[in-house]
C-alpha atoms as a PDB file:
ATOM      1  CA  MET A   1      16.428 -30.739  34.495  1.00  0.00           C
ATOM      2  CA  LYS A   2      16.625 -28.133  31.743  1.00  0.00           C
ATOM      3  CA  ARG A   3      18.565 -30.596  29.593  1.00  0.00           C
ATOM      4  CA  LEU A   4      15.865 -33.229  30.093  1.00  0.00           C
ATOM      5  CA  LEU A   5      13.087 -30.803  29.197  1.00  0.00           C
ATOM      6  CA  PHE A   6      15.014 -29.758  26.101  1.00  0.00           C
ATOM      7  CA  LEU A   7      15.438 -33.352  24.966  1.00  0.00           C
ATOM      8  CA  LEU A   8      11.763 -34.111  25.545  1.00  0.00           C
ATOM      9  CA  LEU A   9      10.806 -31.098  23.457  1.00  0.00           C
ATOM     10  CA  LEU A  10      13.331 -32.077  20.812  1.00  0.00           C
ATOM     11  CA  TYR A  11      12.028 -35.635  20.665  1.00  0.00           C
ATOM     12  CA  ALA A  12       8.435 -34.421  20.440  1.00  0.00           C
ATOM     13  CA  CYS A  13       9.492 -32.204  17.567  1.00  0.00           C
ATOM     14  CA  LEU A  14      11.465 -34.845  15.704  1.00  0.00           C
ATOM     15  CA  LEU A  15       9.033 -37.731  16.246  1.00  0.00           C
ATOM     16  CA  PRO A  16       6.475 -36.557  13.670  1.00  0.00           C
ATOM     17  CA  VAL A  17       9.208 -36.374  11.049  1.00  0.00           C
ATOM     18  CA  CYS A  18       8.972 -40.064  10.326  1.00  0.00           C
ATOM     19  CA  GLY A  19       6.757 -41.631  12.962  1.00  0.00           C
ATOM     20  CA  ALA A  20       7.816 -43.576  16.035  1.00  0.00           C
ATOM     21  CA  PRO A  21      11.271 -45.097  15.421  1.00  0.00           C
ATOM     22  CA  PRO A  22      11.520 -48.864  15.705  1.00  0.00           C
ATOM     23  CA  PRO A  23      14.440 -50.371  17.625  1.00  0.00           C
ATOM     24  CA  ALA A  24      17.455 -50.170  15.383  1.00  0.00           C
ATOM     25  CA  LYS A  25      20.994 -51.455  15.659  1.00  0.00           C
ATOM     26  CA  LEU A  26      23.855 -50.450  13.440  1.00  0.00           C
ATOM     27  CA  PRO A  27      24.934 -53.321  11.178  1.00  0.00           C
ATOM     28  CA  SER A  28      28.250 -54.859  12.179  1.00  0.00           C
ATOM     29  CA  ASP A  29      29.819 -53.972   8.830  1.00  0.00           C
ATOM     30  CA  VAL A  30      29.141 -50.239   9.282  1.00  0.00           C
ATOM     31  CA  THR A  31      31.651 -48.252  11.345  1.00  0.00           C
ATOM     32  CA  ARG A  32      30.473 -45.235  13.322  1.00  0.00           C
ATOM     33  CA  THR A  33      32.916 -42.460  14.227  1.00  0.00           C
ATOM     34  CA  GLU A  34      31.323 -40.128  16.755  1.00  0.00           C
ATOM     35  CA  ASP A  35      31.578 -36.440  17.621  1.00  0.00           C
ATOM     36  CA  ILE A  36      33.751 -35.208  14.775  1.00  0.00           C
ATOM     37  CA  ILE A  37      34.067 -31.440  15.239  1.00  0.00           C
ATOM     38  CA  TYR A  38      33.360 -29.598  11.994  1.00  0.00           C
ATOM     39  CA  GLY A  39      33.265 -26.097  13.483  1.00  0.00           C
ATOM     40  CA  ARG A  40      32.788 -23.999  16.589  1.00  0.00           C
ATOM     41  CA  LYS A  41      30.187 -21.400  17.482  1.00  0.00           C
ATOM     42  CA  PHE A  42      30.723 -19.104  20.460  1.00  0.00           C
ATOM     43  CA  GLY A  43      33.091 -21.689  21.929  1.00  0.00           C
ATOM     44  CA  THR A  44      30.671 -24.571  21.443  1.00  0.00           C
ATOM     45  CA  ALA A  45      31.669 -27.481  19.220  1.00  0.00           C
ATOM     46  CA  LEU A  46      29.547 -28.339  16.179  1.00  0.00           C
ATOM     47  CA  THR A  47      29.712 -32.076  15.576  1.00  0.00           C
ATOM     48  CA  MET A  48      28.785 -34.858  13.206  1.00  0.00           C
ATOM     49  CA  ASP A  49      28.883 -38.641  13.369  1.00  0.00           C
ATOM     50  CA  ILE A  50      30.256 -40.498  10.352  1.00  0.00           C
ATOM     51  CA  PHE A  51      28.926 -43.887   9.266  1.00  0.00           C
ATOM     52  CA  GLN A  52      31.283 -45.755   6.947  1.00  0.00           C
ATOM     53  CA  PRO A  53      30.341 -49.018   5.197  1.00  0.00           C
ATOM     54  CA  ALA A  54      32.735 -51.924   4.893  1.00  0.00           C
ATOM     55  CA  LYS A  55      32.588 -51.597   1.107  1.00  0.00           C
ATOM     56  CA  PRO A  56      32.196 -47.861   0.400  1.00  0.00           C
ATOM     57  CA  ASN A  57      31.117 -46.755  -3.059  1.00  0.00           C
ATOM     58  CA  GLY A  58      33.104 -43.526  -2.858  1.00  0.00           C
ATOM     59  CA  TYR A  59      30.144 -41.174  -2.445  1.00  0.00           C
ATOM     60  CA  GLY A  60      29.260 -39.090   0.603  1.00  0.00           C
ATOM     61  CA  ILE A  61      25.749 -38.279   1.834  1.00  0.00           C
ATOM     62  CA  VAL A  62      24.896 -35.625   4.423  1.00  0.00           C
ATOM     63  CA  PHE A  63      22.016 -36.431   6.777  1.00  0.00           C
ATOM     64  CA  ALA A  64      20.517 -33.239   8.238  1.00  0.00           C
ATOM     65  CA  VAL A  65      19.591 -34.141  11.823  1.00  0.00           C
ATOM     66  CA  SER A  66      16.857 -31.567  12.309  1.00  0.00           C
ATOM     67  CA  GLY A  67      13.220 -31.242  13.311  1.00  0.00           C
ATOM     68  CA  GLY A  68      11.662 -27.845  13.937  1.00  0.00           C
ATOM     69  CA  TRP A  69      15.235 -26.533  13.518  1.00  0.00           C
ATOM     70  CA  PHE A  70      16.233 -28.397  16.680  1.00  0.00           C
ATOM     71  CA  SER A  71      19.172 -30.759  16.441  1.00  0.00           C
ATOM     72  CA  ALA A  72      20.944 -33.154  18.794  1.00  0.00           C
ATOM     73  CA  LYS A  73      23.086 -36.248  18.685  1.00  0.00           C
ATOM     74  CA  GLU A  74      20.349 -38.087  20.595  1.00  0.00           C
ATOM     75  CA  ALA A  75      18.016 -37.527  17.649  1.00  0.00           C
ATOM     76  CA  MET A  76      20.117 -39.446  15.122  1.00  0.00           C
ATOM     77  CA  ARG A  77      17.831 -42.149  13.774  1.00  0.00           C
ATOM     78  CA  ILE A  78      19.908 -45.244  13.061  1.00  0.00           C
ATOM     79  CA  ASP A  79      17.016 -46.765  11.092  1.00  0.00           C
ATOM     80  CA  LEU A  80      17.194 -43.774   8.714  1.00  0.00           C
ATOM     81  CA  ILE A  81      20.982 -43.922   8.400  1.00  0.00           C
ATOM     82  CA  ALA A  82      21.866 -47.629   8.277  1.00  0.00           C
ATOM     83  CA  PRO A  83      20.038 -48.394   4.973  1.00  0.00           C
ATOM     84  CA  MET A  84      22.056 -45.674   3.207  1.00  0.00           C
ATOM     85  CA  ALA A  85      25.346 -46.988   4.601  1.00  0.00           C
ATOM     86  CA  GLU A  86      24.377 -50.542   3.665  1.00  0.00           C
ATOM     87  CA  ARG A  87      24.053 -49.347   0.065  1.00  0.00           C
ATOM     88  CA  GLY A  88      27.705 -48.268   0.186  1.00  0.00           C
ATOM     89  CA  TYR A  89      27.266 -44.573   0.947  1.00  0.00           C
ATOM     90  CA  THR A  90      29.352 -42.876   3.628  1.00  0.00           C
ATOM     91  CA  VAL A  91      26.851 -40.933   5.733  1.00  0.00           C
ATOM     92  CA  PHE A  92      27.676 -37.750   7.618  1.00  0.00           C
ATOM     93  CA  ALA A  93      24.977 -37.144  10.251  1.00  0.00           C
ATOM     94  CA  VAL A  94      25.234 -33.427  10.996  1.00  0.00           C
ATOM     95  CA  VAL A  95      24.078 -31.766  14.217  1.00  0.00           C
ATOM     96  CA  HIS A  96      23.553 -28.014  13.909  1.00  0.00           C
ATOM     97  CA  GLY A  97      23.018 -25.197  16.411  1.00  0.00           C
ATOM     98  CA  SER A  98      19.403 -25.321  17.615  1.00  0.00           C
ATOM     99  CA  GLN A  99      16.648 -22.816  18.100  1.00  0.00           C
ATOM    100  CA  PRO A 100      15.759 -20.934  20.264  1.00  0.00           C
ATOM    101  CA  LYS A 101      19.435 -20.026  20.690  1.00  0.00           C
ATOM    102  CA  PHE A 102      20.031 -19.878  16.947  1.00  0.00           C
ATOM    103  CA  THR A 103      17.803 -18.816  14.069  1.00  0.00           C
ATOM    104  CA  ILE A 104      17.262 -20.428  10.677  1.00  0.00           C
ATOM    105  CA  PRO A 105      19.942 -18.350   8.857  1.00  0.00           C
ATOM    106  CA  GLU A 106      22.453 -19.335  11.551  1.00  0.00           C
ATOM    107  CA  VAL A 107      21.447 -22.977  11.226  1.00  0.00           C
ATOM    108  CA  VAL A 108      21.962 -22.714   7.467  1.00  0.00           C
ATOM    109  CA  GLN A 109      25.467 -21.385   8.135  1.00  0.00           C
ATOM    110  CA  ASP A 110      26.192 -24.500  10.197  1.00  0.00           C
ATOM    111  CA  MET A 111      25.024 -26.792   7.405  1.00  0.00           C
ATOM    112  CA  ASN A 112      27.151 -24.961   4.865  1.00  0.00           C
ATOM    113  CA  ARG A 113      30.138 -25.244   7.186  1.00  0.00           C
ATOM    114  CA  ALA A 114      29.541 -28.970   7.559  1.00  0.00           C
ATOM    115  CA  VAL A 115      29.535 -29.501   3.790  1.00  0.00           C
ATOM    116  CA  ARG A 116      32.724 -27.463   3.401  1.00  0.00           C
ATOM    117  CA  PHE A 117      34.342 -29.570   6.140  1.00  0.00           C
ATOM    118  CA  ILE A 118      33.322 -32.819   4.457  1.00  0.00           C
ATOM    119  CA  ARG A 119      34.554 -31.656   1.079  1.00  0.00           C
ATOM    120  CA  HIS A 120      37.878 -30.468   2.547  1.00  0.00           C
ATOM    121  CA  HIS A 121      38.443 -33.892   4.106  1.00  0.00           C
ATOM    122  CA  ALA A 122      37.036 -35.938   1.216  1.00  0.00           C
ATOM    123  CA  ALA A 123      40.284 -37.834   0.636  1.00  0.00           C
ATOM    124  CA  LYS A 124      40.470 -38.782   4.317  1.00  0.00           C
ATOM    125  CA  TYR A 125      36.978 -40.273   4.202  1.00  0.00           C
ATOM    126  CA  GLY A 126      37.403 -41.892   0.791  1.00  0.00           C
ATOM    127  CA  ILE A 127      34.683 -39.936  -1.030  1.00  0.00           C
ATOM    128  CA  LYS A 128      34.508 -37.857  -4.179  1.00  0.00           C
ATOM    129  CA  PRO A 129      34.628 -34.139  -3.263  1.00  0.00           C
ATOM    130  CA  ASP A 130      32.542 -33.109  -6.269  1.00  0.00           C
ATOM    131  CA  LYS A 131      29.754 -35.646  -5.649  1.00  0.00           C
ATOM    132  CA  LEU A 132      27.909 -35.021  -2.391  1.00  0.00           C
ATOM    133  CA  GLY A 133      24.252 -35.673  -1.617  1.00  0.00           C
ATOM    134  CA  VAL A 134      22.000 -34.622   1.254  1.00  0.00           C
ATOM    135  CA  TYR A 135      18.737 -35.830   2.804  1.00  0.00           C
ATOM    136  CA  GLY A 136      16.520 -34.969   5.756  1.00  0.00           C
ATOM    137  CA  GLY A 137      12.926 -34.576   6.873  1.00  0.00           C
ATOM    138  CA  SER A 138      10.768 -31.540   7.673  1.00  0.00           C
ATOM    139  CA  ALA A 139      13.213 -28.856   8.879  1.00  0.00           C
ATOM    140  CA  GLY A 140      15.972 -31.237   7.780  1.00  0.00           C
ATOM    141  CA  GLY A 141      14.306 -31.336   4.377  1.00  0.00           C
ATOM    142  CA  HIS A 142      14.211 -27.538   4.278  1.00  0.00           C
ATOM    143  CA  LEU A 143      17.925 -27.400   5.062  1.00  0.00           C
ATOM    144  CA  SER A 144      18.597 -30.036   2.403  1.00  0.00           C
ATOM    145  CA  LEU A 145      16.785 -27.996  -0.246  1.00  0.00           C
ATOM    146  CA  THR A 146      18.562 -24.850   0.918  1.00  0.00           C
ATOM    147  CA  LEU A 147      21.907 -26.538   0.289  1.00  0.00           C
ATOM    148  CA  GLY A 148      20.660 -27.875  -3.037  1.00  0.00           C
ATOM    149  CA  THR A 149      19.632 -24.415  -4.233  1.00  0.00           C
ATOM    150  CA  SER A 150      22.030 -22.045  -2.467  1.00  0.00           C
ATOM    151  CA  GLY A 151      25.173 -23.989  -1.589  1.00  0.00           C
ATOM    152  CA  GLY A 152      28.108 -22.457  -3.391  1.00  0.00           C
ATOM    153  CA  PRO A 153      31.698 -21.199  -3.473  1.00  0.00           C
ATOM    154  CA  GLY A 154      33.587 -20.475  -0.301  1.00  0.00           C
ATOM    155  CA  ASN A 155      35.597 -17.399   0.555  1.00  0.00           C
ATOM    156  CA  GLU A 156      38.898 -17.642  -1.304  1.00  0.00           C
ATOM    157  CA  LYS A 157      40.478 -15.235   1.161  1.00  0.00           C
ATOM    158  CA  ALA A 158      39.260 -17.046   4.264  1.00  0.00           C
ATOM    159  CA  ARG A 159      41.862 -17.689   6.913  1.00  0.00           C
ATOM    160  CA  ASP A 160      40.461 -21.154   7.544  1.00  0.00           C
ATOM    161  CA  PRO A 161      41.039 -23.380   4.481  1.00  0.00           C
ATOM    162  CA  ILE A 162      37.754 -25.175   5.171  1.00  0.00           C
ATOM    163  CA  ASP A 163      35.856 -21.946   4.556  1.00  0.00           C
ATOM    164  CA  ARG A 164      37.446 -21.704   1.112  1.00  0.00           C
ATOM    165  CA  GLU A 165      35.661 -24.873   0.016  1.00  0.00           C
ATOM    166  CA  SER A 166      32.347 -24.964  -1.817  1.00  0.00           C
ATOM    167  CA  SER A 167      29.177 -25.943   0.023  1.00  0.00           C
ATOM    168  CA  ALA A 168      27.399 -26.961  -3.190  1.00  0.00           C
ATOM    169  CA  ILE A 169      25.421 -30.198  -3.100  1.00  0.00           C
ATOM    170  CA  GLN A 170      24.947 -32.373  -6.182  1.00  0.00           C
ATOM    171  CA  CYS A 171      21.774 -34.299  -5.254  1.00  0.00           C
ATOM    172  CA  VAL A 172      18.906 -33.892  -2.751  1.00  0.00           C
ATOM    173  CA  ALA A 173      16.262 -36.189  -1.268  1.00  0.00           C
ATOM    174  CA  SER A 174      13.827 -35.127   1.434  1.00  0.00           C
ATOM    175  CA  TRP A 175      10.627 -35.761   3.320  1.00  0.00           C
ATOM    176  CA  PHE A 176       7.933 -33.021   3.513  1.00  0.00           C
ATOM    177  CA  PRO A 177      10.116 -29.866   3.467  1.00  0.00           C
ATOM    178  CA  PRO A 178       8.922 -26.265   3.834  1.00  0.00           C
ATOM    179  CA  THR A 179       9.887 -24.460   0.627  1.00  0.00           C
ATOM    180  CA  ASP A 180       8.076 -21.092   0.605  1.00  0.00           C
ATOM    181  CA  PHE A 181       7.212 -19.497   3.940  1.00  0.00           C
ATOM    182  CA  LEU A 182       5.279 -16.635   2.330  1.00  0.00           C
ATOM    183  CA  ASN A 183       2.944 -18.848   0.305  1.00  0.00           C
ATOM    184  CA  TYR A 184       2.411 -21.598   2.820  1.00  0.00           C
ATOM    185  CA  GLY A 185      -0.362 -23.907   1.724  1.00  0.00           C
ATOM    186  CA  THR A 186      -2.090 -21.186  -0.272  1.00  0.00           C
ATOM    187  CA  PRO A 187      -0.820 -18.098  -2.149  1.00  0.00           C
ATOM    188  CA  GLY A 188      -0.036 -15.249   0.211  1.00  0.00           C
ATOM    189  CA  GLU A 189      -0.232 -17.338   3.409  1.00  0.00           C
ATOM    190  CA  ASP A 190       2.455 -16.023   5.798  1.00  0.00           C
ATOM    191  CA  ALA A 191       4.091 -18.699   7.953  1.00  0.00           C
ATOM    192  CA  VAL A 192       7.282 -16.866   8.917  1.00  0.00           C
ATOM    193  CA  GLY A 193       6.967 -17.760  12.580  1.00  0.00           C
ATOM    194  CA  VAL A 194       3.225 -17.080  12.502  1.00  0.00           C
ATOM    195  CA  GLY A 195       0.106 -18.957  11.446  1.00  0.00           C
ATOM    196  CA  ILE A 196       0.720 -22.670  11.056  1.00  0.00           C
ATOM    197  CA  LEU A 197       4.308 -22.261  12.250  1.00  0.00           C
ATOM    198  CA  LYS A 198       3.616 -19.964  15.205  1.00  0.00           C
ATOM    199  CA  ASN A 199       4.983 -22.590  17.598  1.00  0.00           C
ATOM    200  CA  PHE A 200       8.350 -22.311  15.854  1.00  0.00           C
ATOM    201  CA  LYS A 201       8.632 -18.518  16.154  1.00  0.00           C
ATOM    202  CA  ALA A 202      11.982 -18.706  17.949  1.00  0.00           C
ATOM    203  CA  ALA A 203      13.570 -20.347  14.906  1.00  0.00           C
ATOM    204  CA  PHE A 204      12.707 -17.341  12.770  1.00  0.00           C
ATOM    205  CA  GLY A 205      14.096 -14.799  15.227  1.00  0.00           C
ATOM    206  CA  PRO A 206      13.554 -11.031  15.522  1.00  0.00           C
ATOM    207  CA  GLU A 207      13.236 -10.579  11.765  1.00  0.00           C
ATOM    208  CA  SER A 208       9.837 -12.275  11.954  1.00  0.00           C
ATOM    209  CA  TYR A 209       8.354  -9.911  14.534  1.00  0.00           C
ATOM    210  CA  THR A 210       6.689  -7.476  12.131  1.00  0.00           C
ATOM    211  CA  ALA A 211       4.715  -8.112   8.944  1.00  0.00           C
ATOM    212  CA  GLU A 212       6.977  -5.779   6.954  1.00  0.00           C
ATOM    213  CA  LYS A 213      10.169  -7.541   8.014  1.00  0.00           C
ATOM    214  CA  ARG A 214       8.635 -10.964   7.461  1.00  0.00           C
ATOM    215  CA  GLN A 215       8.136 -10.322   3.762  1.00  0.00           C
ATOM    216  CA  ALA A 216      11.794  -9.654   3.033  1.00  0.00           C
ATOM    217  CA  TYR A 217      13.023 -12.214   5.534  1.00  0.00           C
ATOM    218  CA  GLY A 218      10.652 -14.930   4.333  1.00  0.00           C
ATOM    219  CA  LYS A 219      12.049 -14.649   0.820  1.00  0.00           C
ATOM    220  CA  THR A 220      15.633 -15.147   1.967  1.00  0.00           C
ATOM    221  CA  ILE A 221      14.919 -18.374   3.873  1.00  0.00           C
ATOM    222  CA  SER A 222      12.618 -19.974   1.275  1.00  0.00           C
ATOM    223  CA  PRO A 223      14.501 -22.370  -1.050  1.00  0.00           C
ATOM    224  CA  LEU A 224      11.856 -21.954  -3.759  1.00  0.00           C
ATOM    225  CA  ASN A 225      13.163 -18.450  -4.450  1.00  0.00           C
ATOM    226  CA  PHE A 226      16.612 -19.766  -5.330  1.00  0.00           C
ATOM    227  CA  VAL A 227      15.742 -22.458  -7.854  1.00  0.00           C
ATOM    228  CA  THR A 228      17.881 -22.143 -10.985  1.00  0.00           C
ATOM    229  CA  GLU A 229      19.135 -24.375 -13.771  1.00  0.00           C
ATOM    230  CA  ARG A 230      21.990 -25.332 -11.437  1.00  0.00           C
ATOM    231  CA  THR A 231      19.750 -26.572  -8.633  1.00  0.00           C
ATOM    232  CA  ALA A 232      20.640 -30.123  -7.602  1.00  0.00           C
ATOM    233  CA  PRO A 233      18.350 -32.970  -8.761  1.00  0.00           C
ATOM    234  CA  THR A 234      15.662 -33.181  -6.099  1.00  0.00           C
ATOM    235  CA  LEU A 235      13.330 -35.909  -4.838  1.00  0.00           C
ATOM    236  CA  ILE A 236      10.575 -35.162  -2.310  1.00  0.00           C
ATOM    237  CA  ILE A 237       8.302 -37.648  -0.539  1.00  0.00           C
ATOM    238  CA  HIS A 238       5.272 -35.965   1.013  1.00  0.00           C
ATOM    239  CA  GLY A 239       1.969 -37.001   2.590  1.00  0.00           C
ATOM    240  CA  ASP A 240      -1.140 -35.419   1.081  1.00  0.00           C
ATOM    241  CA  ALA A 241      -2.778 -35.118   4.525  1.00  0.00           C
ATOM    242  CA  ASP A 242       0.099 -33.159   6.069  1.00  0.00           C
ATOM    243  CA  LYS A 243      -1.230 -30.241   8.126  1.00  0.00           C
ATOM    244  CA  LEU A 244       2.103 -28.920   9.420  1.00  0.00           C
ATOM    245  CA  VAL A 245       3.830 -28.706   6.042  1.00  0.00           C
ATOM    246  CA  PRO A 246       1.161 -28.729   3.303  1.00  0.00           C
ATOM    247  CA  ILE A 247       1.969 -30.874   0.270  1.00  0.00           C
ATOM    248  CA  GLN A 248       1.590 -27.692  -1.767  1.00  0.00           C
ATOM    249  CA  GLN A 249       5.092 -26.822  -0.540  1.00  0.00           C
ATOM    250  CA  ALA A 250       6.528 -29.834  -2.352  1.00  0.00           C
ATOM    251  CA  GLU A 251       4.361 -29.330  -5.436  1.00  0.00           C
ATOM    252  CA  ILE A 252       5.436 -25.743  -6.073  1.00  0.00           C
ATOM    253  CA  PHE A 253       9.107 -26.561  -5.581  1.00  0.00           C
ATOM    254  CA  ILE A 254       9.070 -29.551  -7.917  1.00  0.00           C
ATOM    255  CA  LYS A 255       7.163 -27.551 -10.533  1.00  0.00           C
ATOM    256  CA  ALA A 256       9.688 -24.699 -10.329  1.00  0.00           C
ATOM    257  CA  ALA A 257      12.647 -27.085 -10.583  1.00  0.00           C
ATOM    258  CA  GLN A 258      11.175 -28.910 -13.572  1.00  0.00           C
ATOM    259  CA  ALA A 259      10.515 -25.580 -15.283  1.00  0.00           C
ATOM    260  CA  LYS A 260      14.259 -24.904 -15.065  1.00  0.00           C
ATOM    261  CA  GLY A 261      15.082 -28.301 -16.538  1.00  0.00           C
ATOM    262  CA  VAL A 262      16.216 -29.750 -13.214  1.00  0.00           C
ATOM    263  CA  PRO A 263      15.516 -33.472 -12.609  1.00  0.00           C
ATOM    264  CA  ALA A 264      12.848 -33.315  -9.907  1.00  0.00           C
ATOM    265  CA  LYS A 265      10.269 -35.786  -8.651  1.00  0.00           C
ATOM    266  CA  LEU A 266       7.472 -35.835  -6.073  1.00  0.00           C
ATOM    267  CA  ILE A 267       6.230 -39.065  -4.528  1.00  0.00           C
ATOM    268  CA  THR A 268       2.895 -38.642  -2.748  1.00  0.00           C
ATOM    269  CA  ARG A 269       1.911 -40.730   0.246  1.00  0.00           C
ATOM    270  CA  ALA A 270      -1.886 -40.913   0.114  1.00  0.00           C
ATOM    271  CA  GLY A 271      -3.610 -40.214   3.423  1.00  0.00           C
ATOM    272  CA  MET A 272      -0.322 -39.665   5.276  1.00  0.00           C
ATOM    273  CA  ALA A 273       0.256 -36.702   7.563  1.00  0.00           C
ATOM    274  CA  HIS A 274       3.581 -35.319   8.813  1.00  0.00           C
ATOM    275  CA  GLY A 275       5.374 -38.666   8.871  1.00  0.00           C
ATOM    276  CA  TRP A 276       4.618 -42.376   8.811  1.00  0.00           C
ATOM    277  CA  PRO A 277       5.932 -45.396  10.755  1.00  0.00           C
ATOM    278  CA  ASP A 278       7.691 -47.172   7.886  1.00  0.00           C
ATOM    279  CA  ALA A 279       9.617 -44.157   6.586  1.00  0.00           C
ATOM    280  CA  ALA A 280      12.865 -46.123   6.869  1.00  0.00           C
ATOM    281  CA  LYS A 281      11.780 -47.920   3.695  1.00  0.00           C
ATOM    282  CA  ASP A 282      11.902 -44.564   1.919  1.00  0.00           C
ATOM    283  CA  VAL A 283      15.648 -44.424   2.497  1.00  0.00           C
ATOM    284  CA  GLN A 284      15.987 -47.150  -0.128  1.00  0.00           C
ATOM    285  CA  ILE A 285      14.105 -44.878  -2.549  1.00  0.00           C
ATOM    286  CA  PHE A 286      16.444 -42.039  -1.649  1.00  0.00           C
ATOM    287  CA  ALA A 287      19.437 -44.314  -2.261  1.00  0.00           C
ATOM    288  CA  ASP A 288      17.999 -45.220  -5.680  1.00  0.00           C
ATOM    289  CA  TRP A 289      17.728 -41.495  -6.445  1.00  0.00           C
ATOM    290  CA  PHE A 290      21.350 -40.939  -5.435  1.00  0.00           C
ATOM    291  CA  ASP A 291      22.393 -43.963  -7.503  1.00  0.00           C
ATOM    292  CA  GLU A 292      20.690 -42.462 -10.532  1.00  0.00           C
ATOM    293  CA  HIS A 293      21.705 -38.814 -10.226  1.00  0.00           C
ATOM    294  CA  LEU A 294      24.772 -38.600  -7.997  1.00  0.00           C
ATOM    295  CA  LYS A 295      26.801 -41.274  -9.739  1.00  0.00           C
ATOM    296  CA  LYS A 296      26.460 -39.734 -13.188  1.00  0.00           C
END
């Protein structure tokens, strides 16, 4: 019963990411390998599914399966994965540890681990280890931008060779991502588990319980604060009627990236809120972005 309630909550959280998913079937020329373990957390396996095209182009793309910092295999949207695989990209659909058990920094650790795992096994999956992209929506978009701004070298002294790999990402595409939790919609608006995002308090954890702690904590989990000249080329698609993640979040990130000379682009969906029914078409736009910036 608890599992069912969790899945219903998860689905309700993920559904707004891109609207109600249409029936989707994986193309016959795309091979799906399920439940690949990329790490373990407190004895629990962290897994990903890998989608490999019949004619791979040699580039790997991470799909962050996340909404409200919940994640589950059941939430993998085939209609958002298949178009990327059909373009020749090998897609790694990553499931991370979910809130309320795990907080945003712990989720970020999972995503970094997943990238290190993919890079370590690049030869096995027939992809270039120095050319990885990532995409996702909402919380998945936030995680994508976090990798694009903060992914980096591993621990050279790590016992596990996977942890010695870099988690850097070379190209990012996302739908409506949070980028600055301390200036959320307007300057000075605190959304670190409060305000607009009060229903997601568990994802922010104990560090969000007091106003003083939220200021320092909010800075560490906001990708905007880590934009540099080395930030990965970034594309964001965002609806200008979004109430959950204001389009201002995309605007300030793109502006900051462009100011650093980073290729960055915002596509606005007029009148759209937090998702739209035909978002699968946007995956083709993402693939175009990866074609342009990842293959250089």
